[in-house]
Amino acid sequence: MDRLNEILHELGISKVKLAKYLGVSRQMIYNYLELDDINKWPKDKKVLLLNLLGVKSADEIDHLKVDTDYIMNVETRINSLFENHEENEDGVNTSVYRGLGKKQKELMHNVIELIHEKLEDDKDEQSYMAIKYVYHLLQSMDTAPELKYMLGYISKATGFVKPLEFAFDEEQQFIFESIMFSAMTLYNNGGASRSKIAESHRRFVNQIEHKIEEKMSRTLELNTIKVQALKELGYNEINEKNAAEVFERIAEIQSRKVGN
């Protein structure tokens, strides 16, 4: 059963997704996986699982090799279950899938299911914070290519993609991954004690605080200019009718400051 759990993890199949495939509750999946032998599963569920994994008997599971071709074959078998995402029998609004292609729908569905699973325990504060940080990463992803390189490094380090796959700028991604590997090696080997890197962390904190101050200063400046623009035009607020005029005046005020 340990090998089965490893295979499901390597395939990226969550408990929620497996539960839907087998037509049982997520708790039932946990119950199944706690058994010491797959042959103790209900016969119909065992057959479904074996079909999903592409084997004829439970004994073959221990000898499965999870590579790219195998992952793709399993995904092809399980994808048919999610072809009609928008027909949600639970009445959940699935309009978020509208306009997406099949593989984009599948990816979004998998992300939502996995996040849901991680957040189900409202007492698990660490999972909540981890997902919150993922949300921040998604919000910031287009601001720096390094964030995408970081995701690529994680996917490779955890075995989800091949190490020589470069989805982004190959040269820059190669350099980033090499630096990340060196840093992680140093971290995992215990060569980076708190005392040794305290100064580096202090500079990190100072840099972040400086960025926050700049952002607050910029926000304050924009608010001040907006108030000035409204006052000059005789308006109390920005609305649909005067928005273009107000934004034009804001740009004009900013140009005055540059001229000065």
Protein backbone atom coordinates (compact mmCIF):
# COMPACT_ATOMS: atom_id res chain seq x y z
CA MET A 1 0.00 0.00 0.00
CA ASP A 2 2.95 2.31 0.57
CA ARG A 3 3.94 1.87 -3.07
CA LEU A 4 0.39 2.69 -4.17
CA ASN A 5 0.48 5.93 -2.20
CA GLU A 6 3.84 6.78 -3.77
CA ILE A 7 2.48 6.13 -7.26
CA LEU A 8 -0.61 8.27 -6.68
CA HIS A 9 1.63 11.11 -5.45
CA GLU A 10 3.98 10.76 -8.44
CA LEU A 11 0.98 10.83 -10.78
CA GLY A 12 -0.43 13.92 -9.06
CA ILE A 13 -3.72 12.19 -8.31
CA SER A 14 -5.28 13.70 -5.19
CA LYS A 15 -7.56 11.84 -2.80
CA VAL A 16 -10.46 13.97 -4.05
CA LYS A 17 -9.77 13.11 -7.67
CA LEU A 18 -9.39 9.41 -6.91
CA ALA A 19 -12.62 9.48 -4.92
CA LYS A 20 -14.48 10.94 -7.91
CA TYR A 21 -12.96 8.35 -10.23
CA LEU A 22 -13.99 5.48 -7.96
CA GLY A 23 -17.38 7.01 -7.12
CA VAL A 24 -16.85 7.09 -3.35
CA SER A 25 -16.33 9.73 -0.67
CA ARG A 26 -12.90 11.12 0.12
CA GLN A 27 -13.08 9.59 3.61
CA MET A 28 -13.71 6.20 2.02
CA ILE A 29 -10.50 6.63 0.00
CA TYR A 30 -8.60 7.18 3.23
CA ASN A 31 -10.19 4.03 4.62
CA TYR A 32 -9.19 2.04 1.53
CA LEU A 33 -5.61 3.28 1.66
CA GLU A 34 -5.29 2.32 5.33
CA LEU A 35 -5.90 -1.34 4.44
CA ASP A 36 -2.77 -3.46 4.15
CA ASP A 37 -3.80 -5.15 0.91
CA ILE A 38 -5.57 -3.84 -2.20
CA ASN A 39 -7.26 -7.23 -2.53
CA LYS A 40 -9.29 -6.26 0.56
CA TRP A 41 -10.93 -3.42 -1.39
CA PRO A 42 -14.45 -3.93 -2.76
CA LYS A 43 -14.00 -5.88 -5.99
CA ASP A 44 -15.52 -3.21 -8.28
CA LYS A 45 -13.33 -0.47 -6.77
CA LYS A 46 -10.21 -2.60 -7.06
CA VAL A 47 -10.97 -3.29 -10.73
CA LEU A 48 -11.42 0.43 -11.40
CA LEU A 49 -8.11 1.23 -9.71
CA LEU A 50 -6.24 -1.48 -11.61
CA ASN A 51 -7.74 -0.22 -14.88
CA LEU A 52 -6.66 3.31 -14.03
CA LEU A 53 -3.09 2.16 -13.33
CA GLY A 54 -3.06 -0.06 -16.41
CA VAL A 55 -2.29 -3.32 -14.60
CA LYS A 56 -4.09 -6.63 -14.34
CA SER A 57 -3.31 -7.54 -10.74
CA ALA A 58 -2.37 -5.87 -7.47
CA ASP A 59 1.02 -7.60 -7.54
CA GLU A 60 2.05 -5.57 -10.60
CA ILE A 61 1.73 -2.28 -8.71
CA ASP A 62 5.00 -2.81 -6.83
CA HIS A 63 6.85 -3.04 -10.13
CA LEU A 64 5.33 0.00 -11.85
CA LYS A 65 7.76 2.55 -13.24
CA VAL A 66 6.33 6.07 -13.26
CA ASP A 67 7.83 7.97 -16.17
CA THR A 68 6.50 10.65 -18.50
CA ASP A 69 4.82 8.19 -20.88
CA TYR A 70 3.12 6.36 -18.02
CA ILE A 71 1.86 9.61 -16.47
CA MET A 72 0.38 10.66 -19.83
CA ASN A 73 -1.33 7.29 -20.28
CA VAL A 74 -2.92 7.46 -16.83
CA GLU A 75 -4.01 11.07 -17.41
CA THR A 76 -5.67 10.04 -20.67
CA ARG A 77 -7.67 7.38 -18.84
CA ILE A 78 -8.77 9.64 -16.02
CA ASN A 79 -9.39 12.78 -18.10
CA SER A 80 -12.57 11.34 -19.58
CA LEU A 81 -14.14 11.70 -16.15
CA PHE A 82 -13.72 15.48 -16.27
CA GLU A 83 -14.65 16.29 -19.86
CA ASN A 84 -17.87 17.99 -18.77
CA HIS A 85 -16.66 20.18 -15.91
CA GLU A 86 -19.53 22.62 -16.29
CA GLU A 87 -22.17 19.96 -15.58
CA ASN A 88 -21.66 20.10 -11.87
CA GLU A 89 -24.15 17.94 -10.02
CA ASP A 90 -23.45 19.75 -6.74
CA GLY A 91 -24.80 22.99 -8.16
CA VAL A 92 -21.44 24.74 -7.85
CA ASN A 93 -20.96 27.68 -10.19
CA THR A 94 -18.54 26.44 -12.85
CA SER A 95 -18.55 29.54 -15.03
CA VAL A 96 -14.87 29.95 -14.15
CA TYR A 97 -14.15 27.27 -16.76
CA ARG A 98 -15.86 29.20 -19.54
CA GLY A 99 -13.59 30.05 -22.44
CA LEU A 100 -10.88 27.60 -21.43
CA GLY A 101 -9.55 24.76 -23.55
CA LYS A 102 -9.75 21.13 -22.43
CA LYS A 103 -6.28 20.91 -20.91
CA GLN A 104 -6.70 24.32 -19.24
CA LYS A 105 -10.01 23.15 -17.72
CA GLU A 106 -8.39 19.97 -16.49
CA LEU A 107 -5.49 21.85 -14.91
CA MET A 108 -7.79 24.38 -13.25
CA HIS A 109 -10.04 21.61 -11.97
CA ASN A 110 -7.07 19.75 -10.47
CA VAL A 111 -5.78 22.92 -8.80
CA ILE A 112 -9.18 23.72 -7.30
CA GLU A 113 -9.69 20.17 -6.05
CA LEU A 114 -6.24 20.04 -4.45
CA ILE A 115 -6.65 23.44 -2.80
CA HIS A 116 -10.07 22.38 -1.50
CA GLU A 117 -8.53 19.25 0.00
CA LYS A 118 -5.76 21.24 1.67
CA LEU A 119 -8.22 23.75 3.17
CA GLU A 120 -10.85 21.31 4.44
CA ASP A 121 -9.40 21.25 7.95
CA ASP A 122 -10.10 24.77 9.21
CA LYS A 123 -7.74 24.15 12.15
CA ASP A 124 -4.76 23.48 9.89
CA GLU A 125 -3.25 26.96 9.94
CA GLN A 126 -0.06 25.90 8.17
CA SER A 127 -1.94 24.59 5.14
CA TYR A 128 -4.00 27.78 5.06
CA MET A 129 -0.89 29.96 5.11
CA ALA A 130 0.85 27.83 2.48
CA ILE A 131 -2.12 28.16 0.10
CA LYS A 132 -2.29 31.89 0.88
CA TYR A 133 1.37 32.22 -0.15
CA VAL A 134 0.62 30.28 -3.35
CA TYR A 135 -2.13 32.82 -4.03
CA HIS A 136 0.37 35.65 -3.53
CA LEU A 137 2.78 33.92 -5.90
CA LEU A 138 0.10 33.66 -8.60
CA GLN A 139 -0.71 37.33 -8.14
CA SER A 140 2.97 38.26 -8.53
CA MET A 141 4.02 35.72 -11.15
CA ASP A 142 4.07 38.17 -14.06
CA THR A 143 6.18 40.72 -12.20
CA ALA A 144 9.40 38.67 -12.27
CA PRO A 145 10.40 35.72 -14.49
CA GLU A 146 12.34 34.23 -11.56
CA LEU A 147 9.05 33.21 -9.96
CA LYS A 148 8.28 30.99 -12.95
CA TYR A 149 11.82 29.58 -12.88
CA MET A 150 11.25 28.77 -9.21
CA LEU A 151 8.12 26.80 -10.08
CA GLY A 152 10.03 24.96 -12.78
CA TYR A 153 12.77 24.06 -10.30
CA ILE A 154 10.22 22.68 -7.82
CA SER A 155 8.49 20.60 -10.52
CA LYS A 156 11.82 19.09 -11.52
CA ALA A 157 13.08 18.55 -7.98
CA THR A 158 9.88 16.67 -7.08
CA GLY A 159 10.01 14.54 -10.20
CA PHE A 160 6.97 15.85 -12.05
CA VAL A 161 8.90 16.97 -15.15
CA LYS A 162 12.22 16.01 -16.74
CA PRO A 163 15.29 17.93 -15.49
CA LEU A 164 16.23 19.16 -18.98
CA GLU A 165 12.76 20.51 -19.80
CA PHE A 166 12.84 24.29 -20.14
CA ALA A 167 9.41 25.88 -20.49
CA PHE A 168 10.69 29.46 -20.25
CA ASP A 169 13.92 31.26 -21.20
CA GLU A 170 16.30 28.29 -21.27
CA GLU A 171 19.49 30.24 -20.53
CA GLN A 172 18.04 32.14 -17.57
CA GLN A 173 16.13 29.14 -16.26
CA PHE A 174 19.31 27.03 -16.43
CA ILE A 175 21.24 29.63 -14.43
CA PHE A 176 18.47 30.04 -11.86
CA GLU A 177 18.08 26.27 -11.35
CA SER A 178 21.82 25.85 -10.88
CA ILE A 179 21.88 28.57 -8.21
CA MET A 180 18.79 27.12 -6.52
CA PHE A 181 20.34 23.66 -6.46
CA SER A 182 23.49 25.03 -4.82
CA ALA A 183 21.44 26.92 -2.24
CA MET A 184 19.23 23.91 -1.44
CA THR A 185 22.29 21.66 -1.17
CA LEU A 186 23.83 24.09 1.31
CA TYR A 187 20.56 24.25 3.27
CA ASN A 188 19.98 20.48 3.38
CA ASN A 189 23.56 19.71 4.37
CA GLY A 190 23.39 22.01 7.37
CA GLY A 191 25.96 24.45 6.02
CA ALA A 192 23.79 27.52 6.52
CA SER A 193 23.38 28.22 10.23
CA ARG A 194 21.34 31.20 11.37
CA SER A 195 24.41 33.00 12.67
CA LYS A 196 26.23 32.65 9.34
CA ILE A 197 23.41 34.09 7.26
CA ALA A 198 21.95 36.61 9.73
CA GLU A 199 23.48 39.55 7.84
CA SER A 200 22.08 38.30 4.54
CA HIS A 201 18.62 38.00 6.06
CA ARG A 202 18.92 41.51 7.52
CA ARG A 203 19.60 42.89 4.03
CA PHE A 204 16.60 40.92 2.74
CA VAL A 205 14.36 42.46 5.42
CA ASN A 206 15.66 45.97 4.69
CA GLN A 207 15.04 45.55 0.97
CA ILE A 208 11.45 44.39 1.51
CA GLU A 209 10.74 47.20 3.99
CA HIS A 210 12.16 49.72 1.50
CA LYS A 211 9.87 48.40 -1.23
CA ILE A 212 6.86 48.64 1.09
CA GLU A 213 7.75 52.23 1.97
CA GLU A 214 8.11 53.12 -1.71
CA LYS A 215 4.75 51.53 -2.49
CA MET A 216 3.03 53.39 0.35
CA SER A 217 4.66 56.64 -0.71
CA ARG A 218 3.56 56.13 -4.30
CA THR A 219 0.01 55.29 -3.18
CA LEU A 220 -0.12 58.40 -1.01
CA GLU A 221 1.17 60.53 -3.89
CA LEU A 222 -1.45 59.16 -6.29
CA ASN A 223 -4.22 59.76 -3.77
CA THR A 224 -3.02 63.33 -3.30
CA ILE A 225 -2.98 63.93 -7.06
CA LYS A 226 -6.45 62.38 -7.41
CA VAL A 227 -7.84 64.70 -4.73
CA GLN A 228 -6.21 67.68 -6.46
CA ALA A 229 -7.65 66.67 -9.84
CA LEU A 230 -11.17 66.33 -8.42
CA LYS A 231 -10.86 69.70 -6.69
CA GLU A 232 -9.67 71.46 -9.84
CA LEU A 233 -12.53 69.98 -11.87
CA GLY A 234 -15.15 70.64 -9.18
CA TYR A 235 -16.06 66.99 -8.59
CA ASN A 236 -16.44 65.11 -5.31
CA GLU A 237 -15.67 61.64 -6.64
CA ILE A 238 -14.71 59.64 -9.73
CA ASN A 239 -17.65 58.04 -11.50
CA GLU A 240 -18.39 56.51 -14.88
CA LYS A 241 -19.29 59.88 -16.44
CA ASN A 242 -16.26 61.87 -15.35
CA ALA A 243 -13.61 59.13 -15.13
CA ALA A 244 -11.94 59.96 -18.47
CA GLU A 245 -11.79 63.67 -17.62
CA VAL A 246 -10.41 63.04 -14.14
CA PHE A 247 -7.73 60.62 -15.35
CA GLU A 248 -6.73 63.13 -18.02
CA ARG A 249 -6.36 65.81 -15.34
CA ILE A 250 -4.34 63.42 -13.13
CA ALA A 251 -1.93 62.84 -16.02
CA GLU A 252 -1.70 66.59 -16.53
CA ILE A 253 -0.90 67.22 -12.86
CA GLN A 254 1.80 64.53 -12.95
CA SER A 255 3.35 66.17 -16.03
CA ARG A 256 3.43 69.50 -14.18
CA LYS A 257 5.40 67.90 -11.37
CA VAL A 258 7.86 66.40 -13.85
CA GLY A 259 8.25 69.81 -15.52
CA ASN A 260 9.04 71.40 -12.21
